[in-house]
PDB file of N, CA and C in Angstrom:
ATOM      1  N   MET A   1       0.853  -1.188   0.000  1.00  0.00           N
ATOM      2  CA  MET A   1       0.000   0.000   0.000  1.00  0.00           C
ATOM      3  C   MET A   1       0.891   1.242   0.000  1.00  0.00           C
ATOM      4  N   GLY A   2       0.616   2.221   0.840  1.00  0.00           N
ATOM      5  CA  GLY A   2       1.510   3.362   0.993  1.00  0.00           C
ATOM      6  C   GLY A   2       1.825   4.082  -0.296  1.00  0.00           C
ATOM      7  N   ASN A   3       3.033   4.584  -0.363  1.00  0.00           N
ATOM      8  CA  ASN A   3       3.468   5.375  -1.507  1.00  0.00           C
ATOM      9  C   ASN A   3       3.982   4.469  -2.622  1.00  0.00           C
ATOM     10  N   ARG A   4       3.287   4.464  -3.747  1.00  0.00           N
ATOM     11  CA  ARG A   4       3.654   3.579  -4.852  1.00  0.00           C
ATOM     12  C   ARG A   4       4.533   4.259  -5.895  1.00  0.00           C
ATOM     13  N   GLN A   5       4.835   5.534  -5.680  1.00  0.00           N
ATOM     14  CA  GLN A   5       5.653   6.250  -6.662  1.00  0.00           C
ATOM     15  C   GLN A   5       7.044   5.645  -6.756  1.00  0.00           C
ATOM     16  N   LYS A   6       7.567   5.626  -7.970  1.00  0.00           N
ATOM     17  CA  LYS A   6       8.955   5.244  -8.155  1.00  0.00           C
ATOM     18  C   LYS A   6       9.822   6.443  -7.769  1.00  0.00           C
ATOM     19  N   PRO A   7      11.024   6.205  -7.260  1.00  0.00           N
ATOM     20  CA  PRO A   7      11.866   7.330  -6.834  1.00  0.00           C
ATOM     21  C   PRO A   7      12.059   8.399  -7.896  1.00  0.00           C
ATOM     22  N   GLU A   8      12.214   7.985  -9.155  1.00  0.00           N
ATOM     23  CA  GLU A   8      12.466   8.994 -10.188  1.00  0.00           C
ATOM     24  C   GLU A   8      11.268   9.903 -10.438  1.00  0.00           C
ATOM     25  N   GLU A   9      10.099   9.527  -9.970  1.00  0.00           N
ATOM     26  CA  GLU A   9       8.918  10.368 -10.139  1.00  0.00           C
ATOM     27  C   GLU A   9       8.902  11.523  -9.145  1.00  0.00           C
ATOM     28  N   ASN A  10       9.842  11.534  -8.209  1.00  0.00           N
ATOM     29  CA  ASN A  10       9.911  12.605  -7.218  1.00  0.00           C
ATOM     30  C   ASN A  10      10.719  13.796  -7.711  1.00  0.00           C
ATOM     31  N   TRP A  11      11.294  13.687  -8.909  1.00  0.00           N
ATOM     32  CA  TRP A  11      12.149  14.748  -9.427  1.00  0.00           C
ATOM     33  C   TRP A  11      11.640  15.193 -10.789  1.00  0.00           C
ATOM     34  N   ILE A  12      12.012  16.389 -11.188  1.00  0.00           N
ATOM     35  CA  ILE A  12      11.538  16.893 -12.478  1.00  0.00           C
ATOM     36  C   ILE A  12      12.331  16.275 -13.626  1.00  0.00           C
ATOM     37  N   THR A  13      11.724  16.273 -14.787  1.00  0.00           N
ATOM     38  CA  THR A  13      12.328  15.675 -15.981  1.00  0.00           C
ATOM     39  C   THR A  13      13.257  16.674 -16.665  1.00  0.00           C
ATOM     40  N   ASP A  14      14.056  16.182 -17.602  1.00  0.00           N
ATOM     41  CA  ASP A  14      14.919  17.061 -18.385  1.00  0.00           C
ATOM     42  C   ASP A  14      14.098  18.082 -19.166  1.00  0.00           C
ATOM     43  N   MET A  15      12.952  17.668 -19.658  1.00  0.00           N
ATOM     44  CA  MET A  15      12.083  18.580 -20.400  1.00  0.00           C
ATOM     45  C   MET A  15      11.603  19.710 -19.486  1.00  0.00           C
ATOM     46  N   GLN A  16      11.231  19.356 -18.258  1.00  0.00           N
ATOM     47  CA  GLN A  16      10.781  20.379 -17.311  1.00  0.00           C
ATOM     48  C   GLN A  16      11.926  21.334 -16.970  1.00  0.00           C
ATOM     49  N   LYS A  17      13.143  20.800 -16.848  1.00  0.00           N
ATOM     50  CA  LYS A  17      14.304  21.658 -16.576  1.00  0.00           C
ATOM     51  C   LYS A  17      14.497  22.647 -17.718  1.00  0.00           C
ATOM     52  N   THR A  18      14.334  22.179 -18.946  1.00  0.00           N
ATOM     53  CA  THR A  18      14.491  23.038 -20.116  1.00  0.00           C
ATOM     54  C   THR A  18      13.455  24.158 -20.106  1.00  0.00           C
ATOM     55  N   VAL A  19      12.216  23.821 -19.813  1.00  0.00           N
ATOM     56  CA  VAL A  19      11.144  24.827 -19.770  1.00  0.00           C
ATOM     57  C   VAL A  19      11.443  25.860 -18.685  1.00  0.00           C
ATOM     58  N   LEU A  20      11.866  25.384 -17.528  1.00  0.00           N
ATOM     59  CA  LEU A  20      12.196  26.275 -16.425  1.00  0.00           C
ATOM     60  C   LEU A  20      13.346  27.206 -16.808  1.00  0.00           C
ATOM     61  N   GLU A  21      14.371  26.662 -17.437  1.00  0.00           N
ATOM     62  CA  GLU A  21      15.514  27.478 -17.853  1.00  0.00           C
ATOM     63  C   GLU A  21      15.096  28.540 -18.874  1.00  0.00           C
ATOM     64  N   GLN A  22      14.179  28.196 -19.766  1.00  0.00           N
ATOM     65  CA  GLN A  22      13.686  29.171 -20.748  1.00  0.00           C
ATOM     66  C   GLN A  22      12.947  30.313 -20.045  1.00  0.00           C
ATOM     67  N   GLU A  23      12.156  29.979 -19.041  1.00  0.00           N
ATOM     68  CA  GLU A  23      11.422  31.009 -18.292  1.00  0.00           C
ATOM     69  C   GLU A  23      12.382  31.883 -17.481  1.00  0.00           C
ATOM     70  N   LEU A  24      13.422  31.265 -16.938  1.00  0.00           N
ATOM     71  CA  LEU A  24      14.421  32.046 -16.193  1.00  0.00           C
ATOM     72  C   LEU A  24      15.101  33.050 -17.113  1.00  0.00           C
ATOM     73  N   LYS A  25      15.460  32.608 -18.319  1.00  0.00           N
ATOM     74  CA  LYS A  25      16.091  33.504 -19.300  1.00  0.00           C
ATOM     75  C   LYS A  25      15.133  34.633 -19.674  1.00  0.00           C
ATOM     76  N   ARG A  26      13.882  34.285 -19.908  1.00  0.00           N
ATOM     77  CA  ARG A  26      12.893  35.275 -20.335  1.00  0.00           C
ATOM     78  C   ARG A  26      12.694  36.357 -19.280  1.00  0.00           C
ATOM     79  N   THR A  27      12.640  35.951 -18.012  1.00  0.00           N
ATOM     80  CA  THR A  27      12.340  36.897 -16.944  1.00  0.00           C
ATOM     81  C   THR A  27      13.573  37.566 -16.363  1.00  0.00           C
ATOM     82  N   GLY A  28      14.754  36.973 -16.606  1.00  0.00           N
ATOM     83  CA  GLY A  28      15.965  37.517 -16.021  1.00  0.00           C
ATOM     84  C   GLY A  28      16.162  37.107 -14.570  1.00  0.00           C
ATOM     85  N   VAL A  29      15.340  36.200 -14.080  1.00  0.00           N
ATOM     86  CA  VAL A  29      15.463  35.698 -12.706  1.00  0.00           C
ATOM     87  C   VAL A  29      16.584  34.661 -12.692  1.00  0.00           C
ATOM     88  N   SER A  30      17.398  34.687 -11.652  1.00  0.00           N
ATOM     89  CA  SER A  30      18.494  33.714 -11.577  1.00  0.00           C
ATOM     90  C   SER A  30      18.006  32.414 -10.960  1.00  0.00           C
ATOM     91  N   ILE A  31      18.637  31.324 -11.353  1.00  0.00           N
ATOM     92  CA  ILE A  31      18.299  30.016 -10.779  1.00  0.00           C
ATOM     93  C   ILE A  31      18.563  30.032  -9.278  1.00  0.00           C
ATOM     94  N   GLU A  32      19.574  30.784  -8.849  1.00  0.00           N
ATOM     95  CA  GLU A  32      19.883  30.870  -7.420  1.00  0.00           C
ATOM     96  C   GLU A  32      18.709  31.440  -6.638  1.00  0.00           C
ATOM     97  N   ASN A  33      18.030  32.451  -7.203  1.00  0.00           N
ATOM     98  CA  ASN A  33      16.864  33.030  -6.534  1.00  0.00           C
ATOM     99  C   ASN A  33      15.757  31.997  -6.360  1.00  0.00           C
ATOM    100  N   VAL A  34      15.526  31.214  -7.402  1.00  0.00           N
ATOM    101  CA  VAL A  34      14.473  30.192  -7.349  1.00  0.00           C
ATOM    102  C   VAL A  34      14.825  29.118  -6.320  1.00  0.00           C
ATOM    103  N   LEU A  35      16.065  28.649  -6.355  1.00  0.00           N
ATOM    104  CA  LEU A  35      16.491  27.616  -5.402  1.00  0.00           C
ATOM    105  C   LEU A  35      16.372  28.122  -3.972  1.00  0.00           C
ATOM    106  N   ALA A  36      16.811  29.358  -3.728  1.00  0.00           N
ATOM    107  CA  ALA A  36      16.752  29.922  -2.381  1.00  0.00           C
ATOM    108  C   ALA A  36      15.300  30.058  -1.908  1.00  0.00           C
ATOM    109  N   ARG A  37      14.429  30.462  -2.804  1.00  0.00           N
ATOM    110  CA  ARG A  37      13.024  30.648  -2.432  1.00  0.00           C
ATOM    111  C   ARG A  37      12.404  29.341  -1.938  1.00  0.00           C
ATOM    112  N   TYR A  38      12.781  28.241  -2.555  1.00  0.00           N
ATOM    113  CA  TYR A  38      12.201  26.946  -2.181  1.00  0.00           C
ATOM    114  C   TYR A  38      13.127  26.120  -1.288  1.00  0.00           C
ATOM    115  N   LYS A  39      14.196  26.786  -0.806  1.00  0.00           N
ATOM    116  CA  LYS A  39      15.110  26.168   0.161  1.00  0.00           C
ATOM    117  C   LYS A  39      15.713  24.852  -0.333  1.00  0.00           C
ATOM    118  N   ILE A  40      16.127  24.867  -1.588  1.00  0.00           N
ATOM    119  CA  ILE A  40      16.860  23.731  -2.135  1.00  0.00           C
ATOM    120  C   ILE A  40      18.184  24.254  -2.658  1.00  0.00           C
ATOM    121  N   HIS A  41      19.160  23.368  -2.848  1.00  0.00           N
ATOM    122  CA  HIS A  41      20.511  23.798  -3.187  1.00  0.00           C
ATOM    123  C   HIS A  41      20.879  23.591  -4.647  1.00  0.00           C
ATOM    124  N   LYS A  42      20.152  22.726  -5.335  1.00  0.00           N
ATOM    125  CA  LYS A  42      20.442  22.503  -6.750  1.00  0.00           C
ATOM    126  C   LYS A  42      19.179  22.062  -7.470  1.00  0.00           C
ATOM    127  N   LEU A  43      19.164  22.246  -8.760  1.00  0.00           N
ATOM    128  CA  LEU A  43      18.005  21.940  -9.585  1.00  0.00           C
ATOM    129  C   LEU A  43      17.578  20.480  -9.463  1.00  0.00           C
ATOM    130  N   GLU A  44      18.549  19.596  -9.265  1.00  0.00           N
ATOM    131  CA  GLU A  44      18.238  18.166  -9.157  1.00  0.00           C
ATOM    132  C   GLU A  44      17.375  17.844  -7.933  1.00  0.00           C
ATOM    133  N   GLN A  45      17.291  18.764  -6.973  1.00  0.00           N
ATOM    134  CA  GLN A  45      16.476  18.534  -5.774  1.00  0.00           C
ATOM    135  C   GLN A  45      15.029  18.999  -5.969  1.00  0.00           C
ATOM    136  N   MET A  46      14.744  19.589  -7.102  1.00  0.00           N
ATOM    137  CA  MET A  46      13.415  20.152  -7.324  1.00  0.00           C
ATOM    138  C   MET A  46      12.376  19.050  -7.562  1.00  0.00           C
ATOM    139  N   THR A  47      11.298  19.120  -6.807  1.00  0.00           N
ATOM    140  CA  THR A  47      10.207  18.157  -6.965  1.00  0.00           C
ATOM    141  C   THR A  47       9.189  18.724  -7.957  1.00  0.00           C
ATOM    142  N   PRO A  48       8.319  17.868  -8.490  1.00  0.00           N
ATOM    143  CA  PRO A  48       7.277  18.380  -9.401  1.00  0.00           C
ATOM    144  C   PRO A  48       6.418  19.471  -8.758  1.00  0.00           C
ATOM    145  N   GLU A  49       6.165  19.368  -7.453  1.00  0.00           N
ATOM    146  CA  GLU A  49       5.348  20.373  -6.759  1.00  0.00           C
ATOM    147  C   GLU A  49       6.052  21.730  -6.750  1.00  0.00           C
ATOM    148  N   ILE A  50       7.341  21.727  -6.414  1.00  0.00           N
ATOM    149  CA  ILE A  50       8.107  22.974  -6.413  1.00  0.00           C
ATOM    150  C   ILE A  50       8.199  23.523  -7.834  1.00  0.00           C
ATOM    151  N   TYR A  51       8.427  22.640  -8.801  1.00  0.00           N
ATOM    152  CA  TYR A  51       8.522  23.044 -10.207  1.00  0.00           C
ATOM    153  C   TYR A  51       7.256  23.792 -10.629  1.00  0.00           C
ATOM    154  N   THR A  52       6.115  23.239 -10.296  1.00  0.00           N
ATOM    155  CA  THR A  52       4.844  23.859 -10.676  1.00  0.00           C
ATOM    156  C   THR A  52       4.707  25.246 -10.052  1.00  0.00           C
ATOM    157  N   LYS A  53       5.041  25.356  -8.767  1.00  0.00           N
ATOM    158  CA  LYS A  53       4.958  26.661  -8.093  1.00  0.00           C
ATOM    159  C   LYS A  53       5.928  27.659  -8.712  1.00  0.00           C
ATOM    160  N   ALA A  54       7.159  27.211  -8.955  1.00  0.00           N
ATOM    161  CA  ALA A  54       8.177  28.098  -9.517  1.00  0.00           C
ATOM    162  C   ALA A  54       7.776  28.565 -10.909  1.00  0.00           C
ATOM    163  N   LEU A  55       7.322  27.643 -11.733  1.00  0.00           N
ATOM    164  CA  LEU A  55       6.947  27.989 -13.100  1.00  0.00           C
ATOM    165  C   LEU A  55       5.756  28.937 -13.116  1.00  0.00           C
ATOM    166  N   ASN A  56       4.773  28.691 -12.265  1.00  0.00           N
ATOM    167  CA  ASN A  56       3.618  29.579 -12.200  1.00  0.00           C
ATOM    168  C   ASN A  56       4.035  30.982 -11.805  1.00  0.00           C
ATOM    169  N   GLY A  57       4.967  31.081 -10.845  1.00  0.00           N
ATOM    170  CA  GLY A  57       5.472  32.390 -10.433  1.00  0.00           C
ATOM    171  C   GLY A  57       6.203  33.092 -11.559  1.00  0.00           C
ATOM    172  N   LEU A  58       7.053  32.345 -12.264  1.00  0.00           N
ATOM    173  CA  LEU A  58       7.810  32.934 -13.373  1.00  0.00           C
ATOM    174  C   LEU A  58       6.893  33.371 -14.503  1.00  0.00           C
ATOM    175  N   ARG A  59       5.868  32.611 -14.772  1.00  0.00           N
ATOM    176  CA  ARG A  59       4.961  32.958 -15.875  1.00  0.00           C
ATOM    177  C   ARG A  59       4.184  34.235 -15.589  1.00  0.00           C
ATOM    178  N   LYS A  60       4.040  34.575 -14.288  1.00  0.00           N
ATOM    179  CA  LYS A  60       3.363  35.817 -13.924  1.00  0.00           C
ATOM    180  C   LYS A  60       4.314  37.007 -14.018  1.00  0.00           C
ATOM    181  N   SER A  61       5.631  36.710 -14.106  1.00  0.00           N
ATOM    182  CA  SER A  61       6.633  37.773 -14.179  1.00  0.00           C
ATOM    183  C   SER A  61       6.712  38.346 -15.587  1.00  0.00           C
ATOM    184  N   LYS A  62       7.091  39.601 -15.647  1.00  0.00           N
ATOM    185  CA  LYS A  62       7.243  40.240 -16.945  1.00  0.00           C
ATOM    186  C   LYS A  62       8.553  39.803 -17.592  1.00  0.00           C
ATOM    187  N   THR A  63       8.571  39.875 -18.912  1.00  0.00           N
ATOM    188  CA  THR A  63       9.793  39.609 -19.664  1.00  0.00           C
ATOM    189  C   THR A  63      10.773  40.739 -19.387  1.00  0.00           C
ATOM    190  N   LYS A  64      12.029  40.379 -19.122  1.00  0.00           N
ATOM    191  CA  LYS A  64      13.023  41.426 -18.868  1.00  0.00           C
ATOM    192  C   LYS A  64      13.268  42.211 -20.149  1.00  0.00           C
ATOM    193  N   GLU A  65      13.620  43.466 -19.977  1.00  0.00           N
ATOM    194  CA  GLU A  65      13.879  44.293 -21.147  1.00  0.00           C
ATOM    195  C   GLU A  65      15.256  43.967 -21.705  1.00  0.00           C
ATOM    196  N   ALA A  66      15.347  43.987 -23.000  1.00  0.00           N
ATOM    197  CA  ALA A  66      16.641  43.708 -23.650  1.00  0.00           C
ATOM    198  C   ALA A  66      17.647  44.780 -23.283  1.00  0.00           C
ATOM    199  N   ALA A  67      18.874  44.360 -23.047  1.00  0.00           N
ATOM    200  CA  ALA A  67      19.910  45.317 -22.627  1.00  0.00           C
ATOM    201  C   ALA A  67      20.392  46.146 -23.798  1.00  0.00           C
TER     202      ALA A  67
END
């Protein structure tokens, strides 16, 4: 019974990492800011739940202006 998830289902996929990185570039937010906000130290520690929250926050952010 209990938790039937496979361990790899607790982490985000390469595709999700790519989407997140694209949003970070678009908004100008650093990955360090995102990691600090969710109290994790590296992208590999990001769970699908954190990913969803982070992405939703980034999507509400404006696109940074071109330098």
